[in-house]
Amino acid sequence: QVQLEESGGGLVQPGGSLRLSCAVSGSIFVTYTMGWYRQAPGKQRELVASISSRGRTIYTDPVKGRFTISRDNAKNTIYLQMSSLKPDDTAVYYCNSHPPSPSWGQGTPVIVSS
């Protein structure tokens, strides 16, 4: 069974930066396309960015140019570097495969506020 553990969230001012991490265990991590998702209050969970097993990245329009997804296959970990954060980025952030498996972690909250 896949286990996902997100970390790195917190409170940050608009324009600030955060780096999220996601440790993955229980799967053949290196073969999966992985993604970062977020769920804002009152909204559905949405994909933010994805990275293939070979490192090809795709970003949704709201985060393009501000977020960078990366992966370290040796550590079974994916990252999301977020910069120029906006209040609209406030959400709980999750990692999962893309398309997602039924197993979700607890997520890590990101609050962008002055």
PDB file of N, CA and C in Angstrom:
ATOM      1  N   GLN A   1       0.845  -1.193   0.000  1.00  0.00           N
ATOM      2  CA  GLN A   1       0.000   0.000   0.000  1.00  0.00           C
ATOM      3  C   GLN A   1       0.876   1.237   0.000  1.00  0.00           C
ATOM      4  N   VAL A   2       0.507   2.207  -0.839  1.00  0.00           N
ATOM      5  CA  VAL A   2       1.283   3.440  -0.948  1.00  0.00           C
ATOM      6  C   VAL A   2       1.058   4.309   0.278  1.00  0.00           C
ATOM      7  N   GLN A   3       2.140   4.866   0.784  1.00  0.00           N
ATOM      8  CA  GLN A   3       2.049   5.841   1.868  1.00  0.00           C
ATOM      9  C   GLN A   3       2.665   7.146   1.402  1.00  0.00           C
ATOM     10  N   LEU A   4       1.967   8.239   1.668  1.00  0.00           N
ATOM     11  CA  LEU A   4       2.393   9.556   1.227  1.00  0.00           C
ATOM     12  C   LEU A   4       2.449  10.474   2.435  1.00  0.00           C
ATOM     13  N   GLU A   5       3.561  11.170   2.609  1.00  0.00           N
ATOM     14  CA  GLU A   5       3.717  12.068   3.747  1.00  0.00           C
ATOM     15  C   GLU A   5       4.210  13.424   3.262  1.00  0.00           C
ATOM     16  N   GLU A   6       3.327  14.404   3.318  1.00  0.00           N
ATOM     17  CA  GLU A   6       3.658  15.754   2.886  1.00  0.00           C
ATOM     18  C   GLU A   6       4.153  16.583   4.064  1.00  0.00           C
ATOM     19  N   SER A   7       5.034  17.535   3.770  1.00  0.00           N
ATOM     20  CA  SER A   7       5.543  18.428   4.805  1.00  0.00           C
ATOM     21  C   SER A   7       6.016  19.727   4.167  1.00  0.00           C
ATOM     22  N   GLY A   8       6.246  20.726   5.020  1.00  0.00           N
ATOM     23  CA  GLY A   8       6.821  21.970   4.539  1.00  0.00           C
ATOM     24  C   GLY A   8       5.868  23.145   4.447  1.00  0.00           C
ATOM     25  N   GLY A   9       4.601  22.919   4.716  1.00  0.00           N
ATOM     26  CA  GLY A   9       3.640  24.013   4.643  1.00  0.00           C
ATOM     27  C   GLY A   9       3.777  24.969   5.815  1.00  0.00           C
ATOM     28  N   GLY A  10       2.996  26.052   5.761  1.00  0.00           N
ATOM     29  CA  GLY A  10       3.027  27.018   6.835  1.00  0.00           C
ATOM     30  C   GLY A  10       2.373  28.309   6.438  1.00  0.00           C
ATOM     31  N   LEU A  11       2.573  29.312   7.289  1.00  0.00           N
ATOM     32  CA  LEU A  11       2.043  30.645   7.048  1.00  0.00           C
ATOM     33  C   LEU A  11       3.123  31.491   6.381  1.00  0.00           C
ATOM     34  N   VAL A  12       2.768  32.144   5.299  1.00  0.00           N
ATOM     35  CA  VAL A  12       3.731  32.956   4.571  1.00  0.00           C
ATOM     36  C   VAL A  12       3.031  34.211   4.055  1.00  0.00           C
ATOM     37  N   GLN A  13       3.774  35.290   3.964  1.00  0.00           N
ATOM     38  CA  GLN A  13       3.211  36.530   3.455  1.00  0.00           C
ATOM     39  C   GLN A  13       3.115  36.504   1.932  1.00  0.00           C
ATOM     40  N   PRO A  14       2.191  37.256   1.366  1.00  0.00           N
ATOM     41  CA  PRO A  14       2.133  37.352  -0.103  1.00  0.00           C
ATOM     42  C   PRO A  14       3.492  37.744  -0.676  1.00  0.00           C
ATOM     43  N   GLY A  15       3.853  37.079  -1.758  1.00  0.00           N
ATOM     44  CA  GLY A  15       5.162  37.299  -2.365  1.00  0.00           C
ATOM     45  C   GLY A  15       6.251  36.405  -1.832  1.00  0.00           C
ATOM     46  N   GLY A  16       5.961  35.670  -0.781  1.00  0.00           N
ATOM     47  CA  GLY A  16       6.951  34.800  -0.163  1.00  0.00           C
ATOM     48  C   GLY A  16       7.086  33.460  -0.864  1.00  0.00           C
ATOM     49  N   SER A  17       7.930  32.614  -0.279  1.00  0.00           N
ATOM     50  CA  SER A  17       8.232  31.307  -0.871  1.00  0.00           C
ATOM     51  C   SER A  17       8.129  30.204   0.174  1.00  0.00           C
ATOM     52  N   LEU A  18       7.844  29.007  -0.308  1.00  0.00           N
ATOM     53  CA  LEU A  18       7.847  27.799   0.512  1.00  0.00           C
ATOM     54  C   LEU A  18       8.295  26.632  -0.359  1.00  0.00           C
ATOM     55  N   ARG A  19       8.864  25.637   0.303  1.00  0.00           N
ATOM     56  CA  ARG A  19       9.218  24.407  -0.393  1.00  0.00           C
ATOM     57  C   ARG A  19       8.532  23.242   0.293  1.00  0.00           C
ATOM     58  N   LEU A  20       7.695  22.549  -0.446  1.00  0.00           N
ATOM     59  CA  LEU A  20       6.995  21.387   0.072  1.00  0.00           C
ATOM     60  C   LEU A  20       7.748  20.113  -0.313  1.00  0.00           C
ATOM     61  N   SER A  21       7.647  19.118   0.560  1.00  0.00           N
ATOM     62  CA  SER A  21       8.246  17.812   0.289  1.00  0.00           C
ATOM     63  C   SER A  21       7.201  16.728   0.465  1.00  0.00           C
ATOM     64  N   CYS A  22       7.382  15.646  -0.265  1.00  0.00           N
ATOM     65  CA  CYS A  22       6.478  14.510  -0.138  1.00  0.00           C
ATOM     66  C   CYS A  22       7.306  13.234  -0.204  1.00  0.00           C
ATOM     67  N   ALA A  23       7.305  12.495   0.898  1.00  0.00           N
ATOM     68  CA  ALA A  23       7.989  11.212   0.950  1.00  0.00           C
ATOM     69  C   ALA A  23       7.013  10.106   0.571  1.00  0.00           C
ATOM     70  N   VAL A  24       7.429   9.263  -0.360  1.00  0.00           N
ATOM     71  CA  VAL A  24       6.572   8.197  -0.876  1.00  0.00           C
ATOM     72  C   VAL A  24       7.165   6.846  -0.509  1.00  0.00           C
ATOM     73  N   SER A  25       6.341   5.964   0.021  1.00  0.00           N
ATOM     74  CA  SER A  25       6.809   4.621   0.340  1.00  0.00           C
ATOM     75  C   SER A  25       5.759   3.609  -0.090  1.00  0.00           C
ATOM     76  N   GLY A  26       6.205   2.369  -0.261  1.00  0.00           N
ATOM     77  CA  GLY A  26       5.273   1.301  -0.565  1.00  0.00           C
ATOM     78  C   GLY A  26       4.914   1.178  -2.018  1.00  0.00           C
ATOM     79  N   SER A  27       5.680   1.781  -2.906  1.00  0.00           N
ATOM     80  CA  SER A  27       5.365   1.651  -4.328  1.00  0.00           C
ATOM     81  C   SER A  27       6.646   1.712  -5.130  1.00  0.00           C
ATOM     82  N   ILE A  28       6.526   1.382  -6.390  1.00  0.00           N
ATOM     83  CA  ILE A  28       7.669   1.516  -7.276  1.00  0.00           C
ATOM     84  C   ILE A  28       7.688   2.967  -7.750  1.00  0.00           C
ATOM     85  N   PHE A  29       8.179   3.819  -6.876  1.00  0.00           N
ATOM     86  CA  PHE A  29       8.072   5.263  -7.063  1.00  0.00           C
ATOM     87  C   PHE A  29       8.642   5.723  -8.392  1.00  0.00           C
ATOM     88  N   VAL A  30       9.775   5.167  -8.779  1.00  0.00           N
ATOM     89  CA  VAL A  30      10.477   5.707  -9.931  1.00  0.00           C
ATOM     90  C   VAL A  30       9.716   5.520 -11.227  1.00  0.00           C
ATOM     91  N   THR A  31       8.734   4.633 -11.241  1.00  0.00           N
ATOM     92  CA  THR A  31       7.999   4.371 -12.478  1.00  0.00           C
ATOM     93  C   THR A  31       6.746   5.228 -12.619  1.00  0.00           C
ATOM     94  N   TYR A  32       6.393   5.973 -11.574  1.00  0.00           N
ATOM     95  CA  TYR A  32       5.129   6.700 -11.582  1.00  0.00           C
ATOM     96  C   TYR A  32       5.297   8.168 -11.965  1.00  0.00           C
ATOM     97  N   THR A  33       4.325   8.672 -12.706  1.00  0.00           N
ATOM     98  CA  THR A  33       4.156  10.120 -12.789  1.00  0.00           C
ATOM     99  C   THR A  33       3.532  10.574 -11.471  1.00  0.00           C
ATOM    100  N   MET A  34       4.106  11.599 -10.879  1.00  0.00           N
ATOM    101  CA  MET A  34       3.635  12.101  -9.591  1.00  0.00           C
ATOM    102  C   MET A  34       3.106  13.517  -9.756  1.00  0.00           C
ATOM    103  N   GLY A  35       2.220  13.878  -8.836  1.00  0.00           N
ATOM    104  CA  GLY A  35       1.645  15.210  -8.918  1.00  0.00           C
ATOM    105  C   GLY A  35       1.460  15.844  -7.556  1.00  0.00           C
ATOM    106  N   TRP A  36       1.413  17.156  -7.572  1.00  0.00           N
ATOM    107  CA  TRP A  36       0.985  17.922  -6.405  1.00  0.00           C
ATOM    108  C   TRP A  36      -0.425  18.433  -6.675  1.00  0.00           C
ATOM    109  N   TYR A  37      -1.259  18.300  -5.669  1.00  0.00           N
ATOM    110  CA  TYR A  37      -2.648  18.729  -5.733  1.00  0.00           C
ATOM    111  C   TYR A  37      -2.897  19.707  -4.587  1.00  0.00           C
ATOM    112  N   ARG A  38      -3.960  20.469  -4.693  1.00  0.00           N
ATOM    113  CA  ARG A  38      -4.334  21.331  -3.575  1.00  0.00           C
ATOM    114  C   ARG A  38      -5.851  21.419  -3.480  1.00  0.00           C
ATOM    115  N   GLN A  39      -6.292  21.665  -2.252  1.00  0.00           N
ATOM    116  CA  GLN A  39      -7.717  21.839  -2.004  1.00  0.00           C
ATOM    117  C   GLN A  39      -7.905  23.071  -1.143  1.00  0.00           C
ATOM    118  N   ALA A  40      -8.485  24.084  -1.730  1.00  0.00           N
ATOM    119  CA  ALA A  40      -8.774  25.319  -1.016  1.00  0.00           C
ATOM    120  C   ALA A  40     -10.097  25.168  -0.265  1.00  0.00           C
ATOM    121  N   PRO A  41     -10.311  25.956   0.772  1.00  0.00           N
ATOM    122  CA  PRO A  41     -11.563  25.874   1.535  1.00  0.00           C
ATOM    123  C   PRO A  41     -12.782  26.029   0.635  1.00  0.00           C
ATOM    124  N   GLY A  42     -13.700  25.074   0.727  1.00  0.00           N
ATOM    125  CA  GLY A  42     -14.928  25.141  -0.043  1.00  0.00           C
ATOM    126  C   GLY A  42     -14.805  24.769  -1.500  1.00  0.00           C
ATOM    127  N   LYS A  43     -13.628  24.307  -1.902  1.00  0.00           N
ATOM    128  CA  LYS A  43     -13.413  23.956  -3.312  1.00  0.00           C
ATOM    129  C   LYS A  43     -12.979  22.501  -3.444  1.00  0.00           C
ATOM    130  N   GLN A  44     -13.064  22.000  -4.670  1.00  0.00           N
ATOM    131  CA  GLN A  44     -12.623  20.644  -4.932  1.00  0.00           C
ATOM    132  C   GLN A  44     -11.102  20.597  -5.048  1.00  0.00           C
ATOM    133  N   ARG A  45     -10.565  19.429  -4.789  1.00  0.00           N
ATOM    134  CA  ARG A  45      -9.130  19.241  -4.943  1.00  0.00           C
ATOM    135  C   ARG A  45      -8.770  19.328  -6.422  1.00  0.00           C
ATOM    136  N   GLU A  46      -7.651  19.984  -6.701  1.00  0.00           N
ATOM    137  CA  GLU A  46      -7.243  20.179  -8.084  1.00  0.00           C
ATOM    138  C   GLU A  46      -5.756  19.881  -8.242  1.00  0.00           C
ATOM    139  N   LEU A  47      -5.393  19.457  -9.437  1.00  0.00           N
ATOM    140  CA  LEU A  47      -3.996  19.222  -9.757  1.00  0.00           C
ATOM    141  C   LEU A  47      -3.292  20.560  -9.931  1.00  0.00           C
ATOM    142  N   VAL A  48      -2.072  20.651  -9.413  1.00  0.00           N
ATOM    143  CA  VAL A  48      -1.274  21.857  -9.525  1.00  0.00           C
ATOM    144  C   VAL A  48      -0.135  21.649 -10.526  1.00  0.00           C
ATOM    145  N   ALA A  49       0.545  20.525 -10.385  1.00  0.00           N
ATOM    146  CA  ALA A  49       1.693  20.248 -11.239  1.00  0.00           C
ATOM    147  C   ALA A  49       1.950  18.745 -11.239  1.00  0.00           C
ATOM    148  N   SER A  50       2.590  18.268 -12.295  1.00  0.00           N
ATOM    149  CA  SER A  50       2.946  16.856 -12.365  1.00  0.00           C
ATOM    150  C   SER A  50       4.346  16.708 -12.937  1.00  0.00           C
ATOM    151  N   ILE A  51       4.955  15.564 -12.634  1.00  0.00           N
ATOM    152  CA  ILE A  51       6.282  15.269 -13.144  1.00  0.00           C
ATOM    153  C   ILE A  51       6.347  13.786 -13.489  1.00  0.00           C
ATOM    154  N   SER A  52       6.789  13.498 -14.702  1.00  0.00           N
ATOM    155  CA  SER A  52       6.858  12.109 -15.142  1.00  0.00           C
ATOM    156  C   SER A  52       8.069  11.424 -14.533  1.00  0.00           C
ATOM    157  N   SER A  53       8.149  10.123 -14.748  1.00  0.00           N
ATOM    158  CA  SER A  53       9.280   9.359 -14.228  1.00  0.00           C
ATOM    159  C   SER A  53      10.591   9.841 -14.843  1.00  0.00           C
ATOM    160  N   ARG A  54      10.494  10.446 -16.014  1.00  0.00           N
ATOM    161  CA  ARG A  54      11.701  10.952 -16.677  1.00  0.00           C
ATOM    162  C   ARG A  54      11.934  12.437 -16.447  1.00  0.00           C
ATOM    163  N   GLY A  55      11.065  13.052 -15.648  1.00  0.00           N
ATOM    164  CA  GLY A  55      11.278  14.446 -15.289  1.00  0.00           C
ATOM    165  C   GLY A  55      10.535  15.466 -16.125  1.00  0.00           C
ATOM    166  N   ARG A  56       9.644  15.035 -16.991  1.00  0.00           N
ATOM    167  CA  ARG A  56       8.853  15.982 -17.769  1.00  0.00           C
ATOM    168  C   ARG A  56       7.805  16.618 -16.860  1.00  0.00           C
ATOM    169  N   THR A  57       7.740  17.929 -16.872  1.00  0.00           N
ATOM    170  CA  THR A  57       6.850  18.635 -15.961  1.00  0.00           C
ATOM    171  C   THR A  57       5.716  19.332 -16.703  1.00  0.00           C
ATOM    172  N   ILE A  58       4.579  19.402 -16.031  1.00  0.00           N
ATOM    173  CA  ILE A  58       3.404  20.115 -16.525  1.00  0.00           C
ATOM    174  C   ILE A  58       2.822  20.917 -15.376  1.00  0.00           C
ATOM    175  N   TYR A  59       2.433  22.152 -15.656  1.00  0.00           N
ATOM    176  CA  TYR A  59       1.872  23.043 -14.636  1.00  0.00           C
ATOM    177  C   TYR A  59       0.520  23.560 -15.092  1.00  0.00           C
ATOM    178  N   THR A  60      -0.358  23.759 -14.128  1.00  0.00           N
ATOM    179  CA  THR A  60      -1.624  24.403 -14.457  1.00  0.00           C
ATOM    180  C   THR A  60      -1.394  25.910 -14.550  1.00  0.00           C
ATOM    181  N   ASP A  61      -2.270  26.576 -15.260  1.00  0.00           N
ATOM    182  CA  ASP A  61      -2.066  27.999 -15.536  1.00  0.00           C
ATOM    183  C   ASP A  61      -1.914  28.863 -14.282  1.00  0.00           C
ATOM    184  N   PRO A  62      -2.675  28.629 -13.216  1.00  0.00           N
ATOM    185  CA  PRO A  62      -2.559  29.512 -12.043  1.00  0.00           C
ATOM    186  C   PRO A  62      -1.171  29.522 -11.399  1.00  0.00           C
ATOM    187  N   VAL A  63      -0.387  28.477 -11.614  1.00  0.00           N
ATOM    188  CA  VAL A  63       0.910  28.398 -10.921  1.00  0.00           C
ATOM    189  C   VAL A  63       2.084  28.454 -11.886  1.00  0.00           C
ATOM    190  N   LYS A  64       1.802  28.474 -13.162  1.00  0.00           N
ATOM    191  CA  LYS A  64       2.872  28.446 -14.158  1.00  0.00           C
ATOM    192  C   LYS A  64       3.787  29.640 -13.987  1.00  0.00           C
ATOM    193  N   GLY A  65       5.084  29.384 -13.964  1.00  0.00           N
ATOM    194  CA  GLY A  65       6.065  30.442 -13.789  1.00  0.00           C
ATOM    195  C   GLY A  65       6.373  30.776 -12.344  1.00  0.00           C
ATOM    196  N   ARG A  66       5.587  30.230 -11.414  1.00  0.00           N
ATOM    197  CA  ARG A  66       5.818  30.529  -9.984  1.00  0.00           C
ATOM    198  C   ARG A  66       6.195  29.273  -9.191  1.00  0.00           C
ATOM    199  N   PHE A  67       5.683  28.122  -9.612  1.00  0.00           N
ATOM    200  CA  PHE A  67       5.936  26.865  -8.903  1.00  0.00           C
ATOM    201  C   PHE A  67       6.850  25.977  -9.738  1.00  0.00           C
ATOM    202  N   THR A  68       7.663  25.188  -9.049  1.00  0.00           N
ATOM    203  CA  THR A  68       8.542  24.230  -9.719  1.00  0.00           C
ATOM    204  C   THR A  68       8.437  22.882  -9.016  1.00  0.00           C
ATOM    205  N   ILE A  69       8.068  21.861  -9.768  1.00  0.00           N
ATOM    206  CA  ILE A  69       8.000  20.508  -9.231  1.00  0.00           C
ATOM    207  C   ILE A  69       9.273  19.766  -9.598  1.00  0.00           C
ATOM    208  N   SER A  70       9.756  18.954  -8.671  1.00  0.00           N
ATOM    209  CA  SER A  70      10.956  18.160  -8.940  1.00  0.00           C
ATOM    210  C   SER A  70      10.857  16.848  -8.164  1.00  0.00           C
ATOM    211  N   ARG A  71      11.759  15.945  -8.484  1.00  0.00           N
ATOM    212  CA  ARG A  71      11.737  14.660  -7.799  1.00  0.00           C
ATOM    213  C   ARG A  71      13.155  14.150  -7.602  1.00  0.00           C
ATOM    214  N   ASP A  72      13.335  13.380  -6.534  1.00  0.00           N
ATOM    215  CA  ASP A  72      14.596  12.700  -6.258  1.00  0.00           C
ATOM    216  C   ASP A  72      14.255  11.218  -6.145  1.00  0.00           C
ATOM    217  N   ASN A  73      14.485  10.480  -7.213  1.00  0.00           N
ATOM    218  CA  ASN A  73      14.099   9.069  -7.229  1.00  0.00           C
ATOM    219  C   ASN A  73      14.892   8.239  -6.222  1.00  0.00           C
ATOM    220  N   ALA A  74      16.104   8.653  -5.933  1.00  0.00           N
ATOM    221  CA  ALA A  74      16.912   7.922  -4.954  1.00  0.00           C
ATOM    222  C   ALA A  74      16.339   8.041  -3.551  1.00  0.00           C
ATOM    223  N   LYS A  75      15.625   9.136  -3.298  1.00  0.00           N
ATOM    224  CA  LYS A  75      15.043   9.362  -1.975  1.00  0.00           C
ATOM    225  C   LYS A  75      13.534   9.128  -1.955  1.00  0.00           C
ATOM    226  N   ASN A  76      12.971   8.703  -3.091  1.00  0.00           N
ATOM    227  CA  ASN A  76      11.514   8.515  -3.178  1.00  0.00           C
ATOM    228  C   ASN A  76      10.765   9.757  -2.681  1.00  0.00           C
ATOM    229  N   THR A  77      11.197  10.905  -3.150  1.00  0.00           N
ATOM    230  CA  THR A  77      10.636  12.165  -2.666  1.00  0.00           C
ATOM    231  C   THR A  77      10.359  13.099  -3.838  1.00  0.00           C
ATOM    232  N   ILE A  78       9.248  13.808  -3.754  1.00  0.00           N
ATOM    233  CA  ILE A  78       8.993  14.880  -4.715  1.00  0.00           C
ATOM    234  C   ILE A  78       8.888  16.202  -3.960  1.00  0.00           C
ATOM    235  N   TYR A  79       9.133  17.271  -4.666  1.00  0.00           N
ATOM    236  CA  TYR A  79       9.185  18.601  -4.070  1.00  0.00           C
ATOM    237  C   TYR A  79       8.308  19.559  -4.875  1.00  0.00           C
ATOM    238  N   LEU A  80       7.883  20.596  -4.189  1.00  0.00           N
ATOM    239  CA  LEU A  80       7.208  21.694  -4.871  1.00  0.00           C
ATOM    240  C   LEU A  80       7.775  22.991  -4.319  1.00  0.00           C
ATOM    241  N   GLN A  81       8.573  23.663  -5.139  1.00  0.00           N
ATOM    242  CA  GLN A  81       9.095  24.971  -4.779  1.00  0.00           C
ATOM    243  C   GLN A  81       8.086  26.007  -5.226  1.00  0.00           C
ATOM    244  N   MET A  82       7.591  26.795  -4.275  1.00  0.00           N
ATOM    245  CA  MET A  82       6.562  27.787  -4.555  1.00  0.00           C
ATOM    246  C   MET A  82       7.127  29.173  -4.275  1.00  0.00           C
ATOM    247  N   SER A  83       7.001  30.062  -5.215  1.00  0.00           N
ATOM    248  CA  SER A  83       7.463  31.430  -5.036  1.00  0.00           C
ATOM    249  C   SER A  83       6.376  32.392  -5.495  1.00  0.00           C
ATOM    250  N   SER A  84       6.582  33.658  -5.184  1.00  0.00           N
ATOM    251  CA  SER A  84       5.589  34.701  -5.515  1.00  0.00           C
ATOM    252  C   SER A  84       4.195  34.264  -5.093  1.00  0.00           C
ATOM    253  N   LEU A  85       4.095  33.765  -3.881  1.00  0.00           N
ATOM    254  CA  LEU A  85       2.829  33.219  -3.408  1.00  0.00           C
ATOM    255  C   LEU A  85       1.766  34.295  -3.285  1.00  0.00           C
ATOM    256  N   LYS A  86       0.532  33.889  -3.565  1.00  0.00           N
ATOM    257  CA  LYS A  86      -0.614  34.783  -3.529  1.00  0.00           C
ATOM    258  C   LYS A  86      -1.638  34.238  -2.532  1.00  0.00           C
ATOM    259  N   PRO A  87      -2.522  35.083  -2.033  1.00  0.00           N
ATOM    260  CA  PRO A  87      -3.574  34.577  -1.141  1.00  0.00           C
ATOM    261  C   PRO A  87      -4.393  33.453  -1.774  1.00  0.00           C
ATOM    262  N   ASP A  88      -4.575  33.477  -3.089  1.00  0.00           N
ATOM    263  CA  ASP A  88      -5.329  32.422  -3.771  1.00  0.00           C
ATOM    264  C   ASP A  88      -4.622  31.071  -3.732  1.00  0.00           C
ATOM    265  N   ASP A  89      -3.361  31.048  -3.345  1.00  0.00           N
ATOM    266  CA  ASP A  89      -2.632  29.777  -3.215  1.00  0.00           C
ATOM    267  C   ASP A  89      -2.924  29.096  -1.881  1.00  0.00           C
ATOM    268  N   THR A  90      -3.642  29.770  -1.007  1.00  0.00           N
ATOM    269  CA  THR A  90      -3.995  29.185   0.280  1.00  0.00           C
ATOM    270  C   THR A  90      -4.811  27.914   0.075  1.00  0.00           C
ATOM    271  N   ALA A  91      -4.322  26.815   0.634  1.00  0.00           N
ATOM    272  CA  ALA A  91      -4.957  25.505   0.441  1.00  0.00           C
ATOM    273  C   ALA A  91      -4.190  24.465   1.238  1.00  0.00           C
ATOM    274  N   VAL A  92      -4.772  23.274   1.320  1.00  0.00           N
ATOM    275  CA  VAL A  92      -4.021  22.115   1.792  1.00  0.00           C
ATOM    276  C   VAL A  92      -3.430  21.439   0.559  1.00  0.00           C
ATOM    277  N   TYR A  93      -2.142  21.185   0.601  1.00  0.00           N
ATOM    278  CA  TYR A  93      -1.424  20.612  -0.538  1.00  0.00           C
ATOM    279  C   TYR A  93      -1.147  19.137  -0.290  1.00  0.00           C
ATOM    280  N   TYR A  94      -1.404  18.347  -1.325  1.00  0.00           N
ATOM    281  CA  TYR A  94      -1.237  16.895  -1.268  1.00  0.00           C
ATOM    282  C   TYR A  94      -0.364  16.434  -2.434  1.00  0.00           C
ATOM    283  N   CYS A  95       0.301  15.328  -2.227  1.00  0.00           N
ATOM    284  CA  CYS A  95       0.955  14.670  -3.356  1.00  0.00           C
ATOM    285  C   CYS A  95       0.279  13.322  -3.595  1.00  0.00           C
ATOM    286  N   ASN A  96       0.393  12.856  -4.804  1.00  0.00           N
ATOM    287  CA  ASN A  96      -0.158  11.556  -5.181  1.00  0.00           C
ATOM    288  C   ASN A  96       0.357  11.248  -6.566  1.00  0.00           C
ATOM    289  N   SER A  97       0.108  10.055  -7.020  1.00  0.00           N
ATOM    290  CA  SER A  97       0.430   9.757  -8.398  1.00  0.00           C
ATOM    291  C   SER A  97      -0.537  10.540  -9.291  1.00  0.00           C
ATOM    292  N   HIS A  98      -0.215  10.574 -10.594  1.00  0.00           N
ATOM    293  CA  HIS A  98      -1.102  11.238 -11.532  1.00  0.00           C
ATOM    294  C   HIS A  98      -1.335  10.306 -12.709  1.00  0.00           C
ATOM    295  N   PRO A  99      -2.555   9.824 -12.874  1.00  0.00           N
ATOM    296  CA  PRO A  99      -3.769  10.061 -12.082  1.00  0.00           C
ATOM    297  C   PRO A  99      -3.605   9.564 -10.646  1.00  0.00           C
ATOM    298  N   PRO A 100      -4.399  10.098  -9.730  1.00  0.00           N
ATOM    299  CA  PRO A 100      -4.198   9.776  -8.309  1.00  0.00           C
ATOM    300  C   PRO A 100      -4.675   8.381  -7.924  1.00  0.00           C
ATOM    301  N   SER A 101      -3.969   7.788  -6.974  1.00  0.00           N
ATOM    302  CA  SER A 101      -4.412   6.549  -6.358  1.00  0.00           C
ATOM    303  C   SER A 101      -5.470   6.876  -5.307  1.00  0.00           C
ATOM    304  N   PRO A 102      -6.187   5.860  -4.807  1.00  0.00           N
ATOM    305  CA  PRO A 102      -7.197   6.130  -3.769  1.00  0.00           C
ATOM    306  C   PRO A 102      -6.600   6.568  -2.439  1.00  0.00           C
ATOM    307  N   SER A 103      -5.307   6.307  -2.249  1.00  0.00           N
ATOM    308  CA  SER A 103      -4.673   6.622  -0.959  1.00  0.00           C
ATOM    309  C   SER A 103      -4.123   8.031  -0.971  1.00  0.00           C
ATOM    310  N   TRP A 104      -4.582   8.838  -0.031  1.00  0.00           N
ATOM    311  CA  TRP A 104      -4.104  10.205   0.116  1.00  0.00           C
ATOM    312  C   TRP A 104      -3.438  10.369   1.480  1.00  0.00           C
ATOM    313  N   GLY A 105      -2.456  11.219   1.543  1.00  0.00           N
ATOM    314  CA  GLY A 105      -1.835  11.563   2.814  1.00  0.00           C
ATOM    315  C   GLY A 105      -2.662  12.608   3.543  1.00  0.00           C
ATOM    316  N   GLN A 106      -2.089  13.120   4.625  1.00  0.00           N
ATOM    317  CA  GLN A 106      -2.776  14.134   5.425  1.00  0.00           C
ATOM    318  C   GLN A 106      -2.720  15.511   4.780  1.00  0.00           C
ATOM    319  N   GLY A 107      -1.776  15.694   3.895  1.00  0.00           N
ATOM    320  CA  GLY A 107      -1.602  17.005   3.282  1.00  0.00           C
ATOM    321  C   GLY A 107      -0.829  17.940   4.188  1.00  0.00           C
ATOM    322  N   THR A 108      -0.409  19.053   3.622  1.00  0.00           N
ATOM    323  CA  THR A 108       0.278  20.085   4.400  1.00  0.00           C
ATOM    324  C   THR A 108      -0.362  21.428   4.072  1.00  0.00           C
ATOM    325  N   PRO A 109      -0.788  22.183   5.087  1.00  0.00           N
ATOM    326  CA  PRO A 109      -1.505  23.428   4.825  1.00  0.00           C
ATOM    327  C   PRO A 109      -0.566  24.574   4.482  1.00  0.00           C
ATOM    328  N   VAL A 110      -0.977  25.351   3.512  1.00  0.00           N
ATOM    329  CA  VAL A 110      -0.268  26.563   3.122  1.00  0.00           C
ATOM    330  C   VAL A 110      -1.243  27.726   3.265  1.00  0.00           C
ATOM    331  N   ILE A 111      -0.847  28.714   4.042  1.00  0.00           N
ATOM    332  CA  ILE A 111      -1.680  29.896   4.258  1.00  0.00           C
ATOM    333  C   ILE A 111      -0.883  31.115   3.820  1.00  0.00           C
ATOM    334  N   VAL A 112      -1.417  31.813   2.838  1.00  0.00           N
ATOM    335  CA  VAL A 112      -0.751  33.011   2.332  1.00  0.00           C
ATOM    336  C   VAL A 112      -1.564  34.221   2.790  1.00  0.00           C
ATOM    337  N   SER A 113      -1.003  34.932   3.713  1.00  0.00           N
ATOM    338  CA  SER A 113      -1.733  36.043   4.306  1.00  0.00           C
ATOM    339  C   SER A 113      -0.771  37.042   4.917  1.00  0.00           C
ATOM    340  N   SER A 114      -1.164  38.303   4.889  1.00  0.00           N
ATOM    341  CA  SER A 114      -0.362  39.339   5.539  1.00  0.00           C
ATOM    342  C   SER A 114      -0.869  39.576   6.945  1.00  0.00           C
TER     343      SER A 114
END
